[in-house]
């Protein structure tokens, strides 16, 4: 089992980015530059998100990423969504990260509520500028995962860009 570390001091309002692909450093720098330029953080924009470097998860599927997160029970309980910078992120011109919900059936009162929450799947792609908005709105319970995944589902490339661009 892969274990992620280094997030014990994170802010609940800082999204967690799990970097699993290390093939293109320039693409990674472009991705982090967009994360930083879209940050609402008053201080150093590089401190507005937390990165876990996980080369051992290269090529891993969503279940493996979630298993690695769940190994840290405290972290698992803090997160409603994680963002994965994988090979697709590095190869795509828009550098869309994979947004993955950590919600399980046990987080809902009944099957119907859970099915509605994951109607468009447990994951979707988002441009880096969407990461902060998605994370904070889920943390504050202003919006549900389904609202973002539905927006991505409606996009021709399956990528959440923003509600303003619709």
N, C-alpha and C. Protein backbone atom coordinates (compact mmCIF):
# COMPACT_ATOMS: atom_id res chain seq x y z
N UNK A 1 0.84 -1.18 0.00
CA UNK A 1 0.00 0.00 0.00
C UNK A 1 0.88 1.24 0.00
N UNK A 2 0.57 2.19 -0.85
CA UNK A 2 1.28 3.46 -0.94
C UNK A 2 0.74 4.37 0.15
N UNK A 3 1.63 5.05 0.86
CA UNK A 3 1.20 5.99 1.88
C UNK A 3 1.67 7.39 1.51
N UNK A 4 0.76 8.34 1.60
CA UNK A 4 1.09 9.73 1.33
C UNK A 4 1.45 10.40 2.64
N UNK A 5 2.40 11.32 2.59
CA UNK A 5 2.79 11.99 3.82
C UNK A 5 3.05 13.46 3.53
N UNK A 6 3.25 14.21 4.59
CA UNK A 6 3.61 15.61 4.45
C UNK A 6 2.43 16.56 4.46
N UNK A 7 1.25 16.09 4.85
CA UNK A 7 0.08 16.97 4.83
C UNK A 7 -0.51 17.21 6.21
N UNK A 8 0.22 16.90 7.25
CA UNK A 8 -0.33 17.04 8.59
C UNK A 8 -0.57 18.49 8.98
N UNK A 9 0.13 19.43 8.39
CA UNK A 9 0.00 20.84 8.75
C UNK A 9 -0.79 21.64 7.70
N UNK A 10 -1.52 21.00 6.84
CA UNK A 10 -2.22 21.70 5.76
C UNK A 10 -3.43 22.47 6.28
N UNK A 11 -3.77 23.52 5.57
CA UNK A 11 -4.99 24.28 5.85
C UNK A 11 -6.15 23.58 5.17
N UNK A 12 -7.30 23.56 5.82
CA UNK A 12 -8.45 22.91 5.21
C UNK A 12 -8.89 23.61 3.92
N UNK A 13 -8.46 24.84 3.72
CA UNK A 13 -8.84 25.56 2.51
C UNK A 13 -7.78 25.50 1.42
N UNK A 14 -6.78 24.67 1.63
CA UNK A 14 -5.76 24.45 0.60
C UNK A 14 -6.05 23.13 -0.11
N UNK A 15 -6.30 23.20 -1.41
CA UNK A 15 -6.53 21.95 -2.13
C UNK A 15 -5.27 21.08 -2.14
N UNK A 16 -5.48 19.78 -2.20
CA UNK A 16 -4.38 18.83 -2.25
C UNK A 16 -4.22 18.36 -3.70
N UNK A 17 -3.01 18.57 -4.22
CA UNK A 17 -2.65 18.13 -5.56
C UNK A 17 -1.72 16.93 -5.40
N UNK A 18 -2.08 15.81 -5.97
CA UNK A 18 -1.21 14.63 -5.93
C UNK A 18 -0.56 14.51 -7.30
N UNK A 19 0.73 14.74 -7.34
CA UNK A 19 1.47 14.68 -8.60
C UNK A 19 1.97 13.25 -8.80
N UNK A 20 1.47 12.63 -9.87
CA UNK A 20 1.86 11.24 -10.15
C UNK A 20 2.68 11.11 -11.41
N UNK A 21 2.82 12.18 -12.18
CA UNK A 21 3.57 12.12 -13.43
C UNK A 21 4.73 13.11 -13.37
N UNK A 22 5.92 12.64 -13.73
CA UNK A 22 7.13 13.46 -13.65
C UNK A 22 7.86 13.50 -14.99
N UNK A 23 7.12 13.31 -16.08
CA UNK A 23 7.74 13.21 -17.40
C UNK A 23 8.01 14.55 -18.06
N UNK A 24 7.34 15.62 -17.60
CA UNK A 24 7.46 16.90 -18.29
C UNK A 24 7.48 18.04 -17.27
N UNK A 25 8.67 18.43 -16.86
CA UNK A 25 8.82 19.47 -15.84
C UNK A 25 8.26 20.80 -16.31
N UNK A 26 8.41 21.13 -17.60
CA UNK A 26 7.87 22.39 -18.13
C UNK A 26 6.35 22.42 -18.02
N UNK A 27 5.70 21.29 -18.32
CA UNK A 27 4.24 21.23 -18.20
C UNK A 27 3.82 21.38 -16.74
N UNK A 28 4.58 20.79 -15.82
CA UNK A 28 4.28 20.93 -14.40
C UNK A 28 4.43 22.40 -13.97
N UNK A 29 5.46 23.07 -14.43
CA UNK A 29 5.66 24.48 -14.09
C UNK A 29 4.51 25.34 -14.64
N UNK A 30 4.04 25.03 -15.84
CA UNK A 30 2.89 25.75 -16.40
C UNK A 30 1.64 25.51 -15.57
N UNK A 31 1.46 24.29 -15.12
CA UNK A 31 0.29 23.94 -14.30
C UNK A 31 0.34 24.69 -12.97
N UNK A 32 1.48 24.69 -12.30
CA UNK A 32 1.57 25.39 -11.02
C UNK A 32 1.48 26.90 -11.20
N UNK A 33 1.98 27.42 -12.30
CA UNK A 33 1.85 28.86 -12.55
C UNK A 33 0.38 29.24 -12.67
N UNK A 34 -0.42 28.42 -13.34
CA UNK A 34 -1.85 28.71 -13.45
C UNK A 34 -2.56 28.55 -12.11
N UNK A 35 -2.15 27.55 -11.33
CA UNK A 35 -2.72 27.40 -9.98
C UNK A 35 -2.44 28.65 -9.15
N UNK A 36 -1.23 29.14 -9.24
CA UNK A 36 -0.84 30.31 -8.45
C UNK A 36 -1.51 31.58 -8.95
N UNK A 37 -1.63 31.74 -10.26
CA UNK A 37 -2.24 32.97 -10.78
C UNK A 37 -3.74 33.03 -10.49
N UNK A 38 -4.36 31.89 -10.25
CA UNK A 38 -5.79 31.86 -9.98
C UNK A 38 -6.10 31.79 -8.48
N UNK A 39 -5.07 31.82 -7.67
CA UNK A 39 -5.24 31.68 -6.23
C UNK A 39 -5.86 32.92 -5.60
N UNK A 40 -6.84 32.71 -4.72
CA UNK A 40 -7.41 33.84 -3.97
C UNK A 40 -6.61 34.14 -2.70
N UNK A 41 -5.53 33.40 -2.48
CA UNK A 41 -4.71 33.49 -1.27
C UNK A 41 -4.04 34.86 -1.18
N UNK A 42 -4.10 35.48 0.00
CA UNK A 42 -3.51 36.81 0.20
C UNK A 42 -1.98 36.77 0.26
N UNK A 43 -1.43 35.68 0.72
CA UNK A 43 0.02 35.58 0.87
C UNK A 43 0.68 35.05 -0.39
N UNK A 44 1.67 34.24 -0.19
CA UNK A 44 2.40 33.62 -1.29
C UNK A 44 1.47 32.64 -2.00
N UNK A 45 1.18 32.87 -3.30
CA UNK A 45 0.25 31.99 -4.00
C UNK A 45 0.71 30.53 -4.03
N UNK A 46 2.00 30.30 -3.94
CA UNK A 46 2.50 28.93 -3.93
C UNK A 46 2.09 28.20 -2.65
N UNK A 47 1.68 28.94 -1.63
CA UNK A 47 1.23 28.32 -0.38
C UNK A 47 -0.28 28.11 -0.36
N UNK A 48 -0.95 28.38 -1.48
CA UNK A 48 -2.40 28.25 -1.53
C UNK A 48 -2.86 26.86 -1.90
N UNK A 49 -1.94 25.94 -2.10
CA UNK A 49 -2.26 24.55 -2.39
C UNK A 49 -1.13 23.69 -1.86
N UNK A 50 -1.45 22.42 -1.62
CA UNK A 50 -0.45 21.48 -1.11
C UNK A 50 -0.20 20.41 -2.16
N UNK A 51 1.07 20.13 -2.41
CA UNK A 51 1.45 19.12 -3.39
C UNK A 51 2.05 17.92 -2.69
N UNK A 52 1.57 16.76 -3.08
CA UNK A 52 2.16 15.49 -2.66
C UNK A 52 2.81 14.90 -3.89
N UNK A 53 4.11 14.73 -3.83
CA UNK A 53 4.83 14.13 -4.95
C UNK A 53 4.77 12.61 -4.75
N UNK A 54 4.10 11.93 -5.69
CA UNK A 54 3.87 10.49 -5.53
C UNK A 54 4.22 9.72 -6.80
N UNK A 55 5.52 9.65 -7.12
CA UNK A 55 5.90 8.91 -8.33
C UNK A 55 5.49 7.44 -8.27
N UNK A 56 5.33 6.91 -7.07
CA UNK A 56 4.91 5.52 -6.93
C UNK A 56 3.47 5.29 -7.40
N UNK A 57 2.72 6.37 -7.61
CA UNK A 57 1.35 6.26 -8.12
C UNK A 57 1.27 6.55 -9.61
N UNK A 58 2.41 6.63 -10.28
CA UNK A 58 2.41 6.87 -11.72
C UNK A 58 1.61 5.78 -12.42
N UNK A 59 0.62 6.20 -13.20
CA UNK A 59 -0.22 5.25 -13.92
C UNK A 59 -1.31 4.61 -13.07
N UNK A 60 -1.38 5.00 -11.80
CA UNK A 60 -2.38 4.41 -10.90
C UNK A 60 -3.79 4.86 -11.29
N UNK A 61 -4.76 4.00 -11.04
CA UNK A 61 -6.14 4.37 -11.29
C UNK A 61 -6.70 5.11 -10.07
N UNK A 62 -7.92 5.58 -10.20
CA UNK A 62 -8.56 6.34 -9.14
C UNK A 62 -8.63 5.56 -7.84
N UNK A 63 -8.95 4.28 -7.91
CA UNK A 63 -9.04 3.47 -6.69
C UNK A 63 -7.72 3.41 -5.94
N UNK A 64 -6.61 3.31 -6.66
CA UNK A 64 -5.29 3.27 -6.01
C UNK A 64 -4.96 4.61 -5.35
N UNK A 65 -5.30 5.71 -6.01
CA UNK A 65 -5.07 7.04 -5.43
C UNK A 65 -5.90 7.19 -4.16
N UNK A 66 -7.17 6.81 -4.22
CA UNK A 66 -8.04 6.91 -3.04
C UNK A 66 -7.55 6.00 -1.92
N UNK A 67 -7.06 4.83 -2.25
CA UNK A 67 -6.53 3.92 -1.23
C UNK A 67 -5.32 4.54 -0.53
N UNK A 68 -4.46 5.21 -1.28
CA UNK A 68 -3.30 5.86 -0.69
C UNK A 68 -3.72 6.98 0.26
N UNK A 69 -4.73 7.72 -0.11
CA UNK A 69 -5.23 8.80 0.75
C UNK A 69 -5.88 8.22 2.00
N UNK A 70 -6.67 7.19 1.82
CA UNK A 70 -7.41 6.63 2.96
C UNK A 70 -6.49 5.98 3.99
N UNK A 71 -5.24 5.68 3.62
CA UNK A 71 -4.29 5.13 4.58
C UNK A 71 -4.01 6.11 5.72
N UNK A 72 -4.20 7.41 5.44
CA UNK A 72 -4.05 8.44 6.47
C UNK A 72 -5.47 8.85 6.88
N UNK A 73 -5.98 8.23 7.91
CA UNK A 73 -7.39 8.42 8.30
C UNK A 73 -7.72 9.89 8.59
N UNK A 74 -6.80 10.60 9.24
CA UNK A 74 -7.05 12.01 9.55
C UNK A 74 -7.17 12.84 8.27
N UNK A 75 -6.28 12.61 7.33
CA UNK A 75 -6.33 13.31 6.05
C UNK A 75 -7.61 12.94 5.31
N UNK A 76 -7.94 11.66 5.27
CA UNK A 76 -9.13 11.18 4.57
C UNK A 76 -10.38 11.91 5.08
N UNK A 77 -10.47 12.08 6.39
CA UNK A 77 -11.65 12.74 6.97
C UNK A 77 -11.70 14.24 6.64
N UNK A 78 -10.56 14.84 6.33
CA UNK A 78 -10.50 16.27 6.03
C UNK A 78 -10.86 16.60 4.59
N UNK A 79 -10.72 15.66 3.69
CA UNK A 79 -10.83 15.95 2.26
C UNK A 79 -12.17 15.51 1.69
N UNK A 80 -12.73 16.35 0.84
CA UNK A 80 -13.91 15.94 0.07
C UNK A 80 -13.53 15.74 -1.39
N UNK A 81 -12.38 16.29 -1.79
CA UNK A 81 -11.90 16.17 -3.16
C UNK A 81 -10.37 16.28 -3.16
N UNK A 82 -9.73 15.54 -4.06
CA UNK A 82 -8.30 15.69 -4.31
C UNK A 82 -8.13 15.89 -5.82
N UNK A 83 -7.01 16.47 -6.17
CA UNK A 83 -6.71 16.75 -7.57
C UNK A 83 -5.43 16.01 -7.94
N UNK A 84 -5.47 15.31 -9.07
CA UNK A 84 -4.35 14.49 -9.49
C UNK A 84 -3.73 15.08 -10.74
N UNK A 85 -2.43 15.34 -10.66
CA UNK A 85 -1.65 15.80 -11.81
C UNK A 85 -0.99 14.55 -12.40
N UNK A 86 -1.66 13.99 -13.39
CA UNK A 86 -1.21 12.73 -13.98
C UNK A 86 -0.67 12.95 -15.39
N UNK A 87 -0.43 11.87 -16.10
CA UNK A 87 0.09 11.97 -17.46
C UNK A 87 -0.80 12.77 -18.39
N UNK A 88 -2.10 12.63 -18.24
CA UNK A 88 -3.04 13.40 -19.07
C UNK A 88 -2.88 14.89 -18.79
N UNK A 89 -2.69 15.24 -17.53
CA UNK A 89 -2.48 16.64 -17.15
C UNK A 89 -1.27 17.20 -17.88
N UNK A 90 -0.20 16.44 -17.90
CA UNK A 90 1.05 16.92 -18.48
C UNK A 90 1.01 16.98 -20.01
N UNK A 91 0.23 16.11 -20.62
CA UNK A 91 0.18 16.07 -22.09
C UNK A 91 -0.84 17.04 -22.69
N UNK A 92 -1.90 17.37 -21.97
CA UNK A 92 -2.95 18.23 -22.51
C UNK A 92 -2.53 19.69 -22.48
N UNK A 93 -2.88 20.41 -23.50
CA UNK A 93 -2.54 21.84 -23.56
C UNK A 93 -3.14 22.65 -22.44
N UNK A 94 -4.32 22.25 -21.96
CA UNK A 94 -4.98 22.99 -20.87
C UNK A 94 -4.54 22.50 -19.50
N UNK A 95 -3.71 21.45 -19.44
CA UNK A 95 -3.17 20.89 -18.19
C UNK A 95 -4.26 20.58 -17.16
N UNK A 96 -5.39 20.07 -17.63
CA UNK A 96 -6.49 19.76 -16.72
C UNK A 96 -6.13 18.64 -15.76
N UNK A 97 -6.35 18.92 -14.49
CA UNK A 97 -6.10 17.95 -13.43
C UNK A 97 -7.34 17.09 -13.26
N UNK A 98 -7.16 15.93 -12.69
CA UNK A 98 -8.27 15.04 -12.40
C UNK A 98 -8.79 15.37 -11.00
N UNK A 99 -10.04 15.80 -10.91
CA UNK A 99 -10.69 16.05 -9.62
C UNK A 99 -11.39 14.76 -9.22
N UNK A 100 -11.08 14.26 -8.03
CA UNK A 100 -11.62 12.98 -7.57
C UNK A 100 -12.30 13.19 -6.22
N UNK A 101 -13.56 12.80 -6.13
CA UNK A 101 -14.25 12.92 -4.84
C UNK A 101 -13.81 11.81 -3.90
N UNK A 102 -13.75 12.13 -2.63
CA UNK A 102 -13.43 11.12 -1.62
C UNK A 102 -14.70 10.60 -0.97
N UNK A 103 -15.85 11.08 -1.42
CA UNK A 103 -17.13 10.63 -0.84
C UNK A 103 -17.37 9.17 -1.18
N UNK A 104 -17.91 8.46 -0.22
CA UNK A 104 -18.31 7.08 -0.43
C UNK A 104 -19.79 6.95 -0.08
N UNK A 105 -20.34 5.82 -0.34
CA UNK A 105 -21.76 5.57 -0.05
C UNK A 105 -22.06 5.84 1.42
N UNK A 106 -21.11 5.56 2.30
CA UNK A 106 -21.32 5.73 3.73
C UNK A 106 -21.50 7.19 4.14
N UNK A 107 -21.11 8.12 3.26
CA UNK A 107 -21.25 9.55 3.57
C UNK A 107 -22.66 10.08 3.31
N UNK A 108 -23.55 9.22 2.83
CA UNK A 108 -24.90 9.65 2.45
C UNK A 108 -25.94 8.87 3.23
N UNK A 109 -27.11 9.49 3.37
CA UNK A 109 -28.20 8.85 4.10
C UNK A 109 -28.79 7.66 3.36
N UNK A 110 -28.80 7.75 2.03
CA UNK A 110 -29.38 6.64 1.27
C UNK A 110 -28.72 6.52 -0.11
N UNK A 111 -29.02 5.43 -0.77
CA UNK A 111 -28.44 5.15 -2.08
C UNK A 111 -28.80 6.22 -3.11
N UNK A 112 -30.02 6.72 -3.03
CA UNK A 112 -30.48 7.72 -4.00
C UNK A 112 -29.64 8.99 -3.94
N UNK A 113 -29.34 9.45 -2.74
CA UNK A 113 -28.51 10.65 -2.57
C UNK A 113 -27.10 10.41 -3.11
N UNK A 114 -26.55 9.24 -2.82
CA UNK A 114 -25.21 8.92 -3.31
C UNK A 114 -25.20 8.85 -4.84
N UNK A 115 -26.16 8.18 -5.41
CA UNK A 115 -26.23 8.06 -6.87
C UNK A 115 -26.35 9.42 -7.54
N UNK A 116 -27.10 10.34 -6.93
CA UNK A 116 -27.22 11.70 -7.48
C UNK A 116 -25.88 12.41 -7.41
N UNK A 117 -25.14 12.22 -6.32
CA UNK A 117 -23.85 12.90 -6.14
C UNK A 117 -22.81 12.45 -7.16
N UNK A 118 -22.88 11.20 -7.56
CA UNK A 118 -21.89 10.67 -8.51
C UNK A 118 -22.53 10.34 -9.86
N UNK A 119 -23.60 11.04 -10.17
CA UNK A 119 -24.32 10.80 -11.43
C UNK A 119 -23.39 10.85 -12.63
N UNK A 120 -22.43 11.77 -12.62
CA UNK A 120 -21.50 11.91 -13.74
C UNK A 120 -20.14 11.30 -13.42
N UNK A 121 -20.08 10.49 -12.40
CA UNK A 121 -18.86 9.79 -12.03
C UNK A 121 -18.21 10.36 -10.78
N UNK A 122 -17.18 9.67 -10.32
CA UNK A 122 -16.43 10.08 -9.13
C UNK A 122 -15.31 11.04 -9.47
N UNK A 123 -15.14 11.32 -10.76
CA UNK A 123 -14.01 12.15 -11.18
C UNK A 123 -14.37 12.93 -12.42
N UNK A 124 -13.65 14.01 -12.62
CA UNK A 124 -13.76 14.81 -13.84
C UNK A 124 -12.48 15.62 -13.96
N UNK A 125 -12.26 16.19 -15.10
CA UNK A 125 -11.08 17.03 -15.33
C UNK A 125 -11.43 18.49 -15.08
N UNK A 126 -10.46 19.24 -14.56
CA UNK A 126 -10.62 20.68 -14.37
C UNK A 126 -9.33 21.39 -14.76
N UNK A 127 -9.48 22.53 -15.41
CA UNK A 127 -8.30 23.35 -15.67
C UNK A 127 -7.75 23.79 -14.31
N UNK A 128 -6.46 24.08 -14.23
CA UNK A 128 -5.88 24.47 -12.94
C UNK A 128 -6.59 25.68 -12.29
N UNK A 129 -7.07 26.60 -13.09
CA UNK A 129 -7.75 27.78 -12.51
C UNK A 129 -9.07 27.42 -11.83
N UNK A 130 -9.60 26.22 -12.05
CA UNK A 130 -10.83 25.80 -11.40
C UNK A 130 -10.62 25.13 -10.06
N UNK A 131 -9.39 24.74 -9.76
CA UNK A 131 -9.09 23.96 -8.55
C UNK A 131 -9.52 24.68 -7.27
N UNK A 132 -9.13 25.93 -7.13
CA UNK A 132 -9.43 26.65 -5.88
C UNK A 132 -10.93 26.81 -5.68
N UNK A 133 -11.64 27.16 -6.73
CA UNK A 133 -13.08 27.35 -6.65
C UNK A 133 -13.78 26.05 -6.27
N UNK A 134 -13.40 24.97 -6.91
CA UNK A 134 -14.01 23.68 -6.61
C UNK A 134 -13.76 23.31 -5.15
N UNK A 135 -12.50 23.39 -4.75
CA UNK A 135 -12.14 22.97 -3.39
C UNK A 135 -12.86 23.78 -2.32
N UNK A 136 -12.80 25.08 -2.41
CA UNK A 136 -13.38 25.90 -1.35
C UNK A 136 -14.91 25.78 -1.33
N UNK A 137 -15.53 25.69 -2.48
CA UNK A 137 -16.99 25.55 -2.49
C UNK A 137 -17.44 24.21 -1.92
N UNK A 138 -16.67 23.17 -2.13
CA UNK A 138 -16.99 21.88 -1.52
C UNK A 138 -16.73 21.91 -0.02
N UNK A 139 -15.62 22.53 0.39
CA UNK A 139 -15.30 22.62 1.82
C UNK A 139 -16.35 23.41 2.59
N UNK A 140 -16.85 24.47 1.99
CA UNK A 140 -17.86 25.30 2.65
C UNK A 140 -19.27 24.78 2.44
N UNK A 141 -19.41 23.74 1.66
CA UNK A 141 -20.71 23.15 1.31
C UNK A 141 -21.61 24.15 0.59
N UNK A 142 -21.00 25.06 -0.16
CA UNK A 142 -21.76 25.98 -1.00
C UNK A 142 -22.31 25.27 -2.22
N UNK A 143 -21.57 24.27 -2.69
CA UNK A 143 -21.95 23.52 -3.89
C UNK A 143 -21.61 22.06 -3.65
N UNK A 144 -22.16 21.21 -4.51
CA UNK A 144 -21.92 19.78 -4.43
C UNK A 144 -21.00 19.34 -5.57
N UNK A 145 -20.34 18.21 -5.38
CA UNK A 145 -19.46 17.65 -6.39
C UNK A 145 -20.20 17.49 -7.72
N UNK A 146 -21.45 17.08 -7.65
CA UNK A 146 -22.25 16.84 -8.84
C UNK A 146 -22.40 18.09 -9.69
N UNK A 147 -22.46 19.27 -9.08
CA UNK A 147 -22.59 20.50 -9.86
C UNK A 147 -21.35 20.75 -10.73
N UNK A 148 -20.19 20.48 -10.19
CA UNK A 148 -18.96 20.65 -10.96
C UNK A 148 -18.81 19.55 -12.01
N UNK A 149 -19.09 18.30 -11.61
CA UNK A 149 -18.95 17.20 -12.57
C UNK A 149 -19.96 17.32 -13.70
N UNK A 150 -21.12 17.85 -13.41
CA UNK A 150 -22.13 18.09 -14.44
C UNK A 150 -21.64 19.13 -15.45
N UNK A 151 -21.03 20.18 -14.95
CA UNK A 151 -20.48 21.21 -15.82
C UNK A 151 -19.39 20.64 -16.72
N UNK A 152 -18.52 19.81 -16.15
CA UNK A 152 -17.47 19.17 -16.95
C UNK A 152 -18.09 18.25 -17.98
N UNK A 153 -19.12 17.54 -17.58
CA UNK A 153 -19.80 16.61 -18.49
C UNK A 153 -20.38 17.33 -19.71
N UNK A 154 -20.81 18.56 -19.51
CA UNK A 154 -21.41 19.35 -20.59
C UNK A 154 -20.36 19.96 -21.53
N UNK A 155 -19.12 20.02 -21.10
CA UNK A 155 -18.04 20.59 -21.91
C UNK A 155 -17.65 19.61 -23.02
N UNK A 156 -17.33 20.12 -24.18
CA UNK A 156 -17.00 19.26 -25.32
C UNK A 156 -15.77 18.39 -25.06
N UNK A 157 -14.86 18.84 -24.19
CA UNK A 157 -13.67 18.05 -23.85
C UNK A 157 -13.81 17.36 -22.50
N UNK A 158 -14.96 17.54 -21.83
CA UNK A 158 -15.16 16.93 -20.53
C UNK A 158 -14.36 17.59 -19.43
N UNK A 159 -14.12 18.90 -19.56
CA UNK A 159 -13.28 19.63 -18.61
C UNK A 159 -14.08 20.76 -17.96
N UNK A 160 -14.01 20.83 -16.61
CA UNK A 160 -14.60 21.98 -15.94
C UNK A 160 -13.66 23.17 -16.14
N UNK A 161 -14.22 24.27 -16.62
CA UNK A 161 -13.44 25.48 -16.86
C UNK A 161 -13.82 26.56 -15.87
N UNK A 162 -15.06 26.89 -15.79
CA UNK A 162 -15.63 27.78 -14.77
C UNK A 162 -17.09 27.96 -15.14
N UNK A 163 -17.87 28.40 -14.19
CA UNK A 163 -19.27 28.66 -14.50
C UNK A 163 -19.40 29.95 -15.29
N UNK A 164 -18.44 30.84 -15.15
CA UNK A 164 -18.48 32.12 -15.86
C UNK A 164 -18.26 31.95 -17.36
N UNK A 165 -17.55 30.90 -17.78
CA UNK A 165 -17.22 30.69 -19.18
C UNK A 165 -18.33 29.98 -19.95
N UNK A 166 -19.40 29.61 -19.28
CA UNK A 166 -20.47 28.85 -19.92
C UNK A 166 -21.34 29.70 -20.78
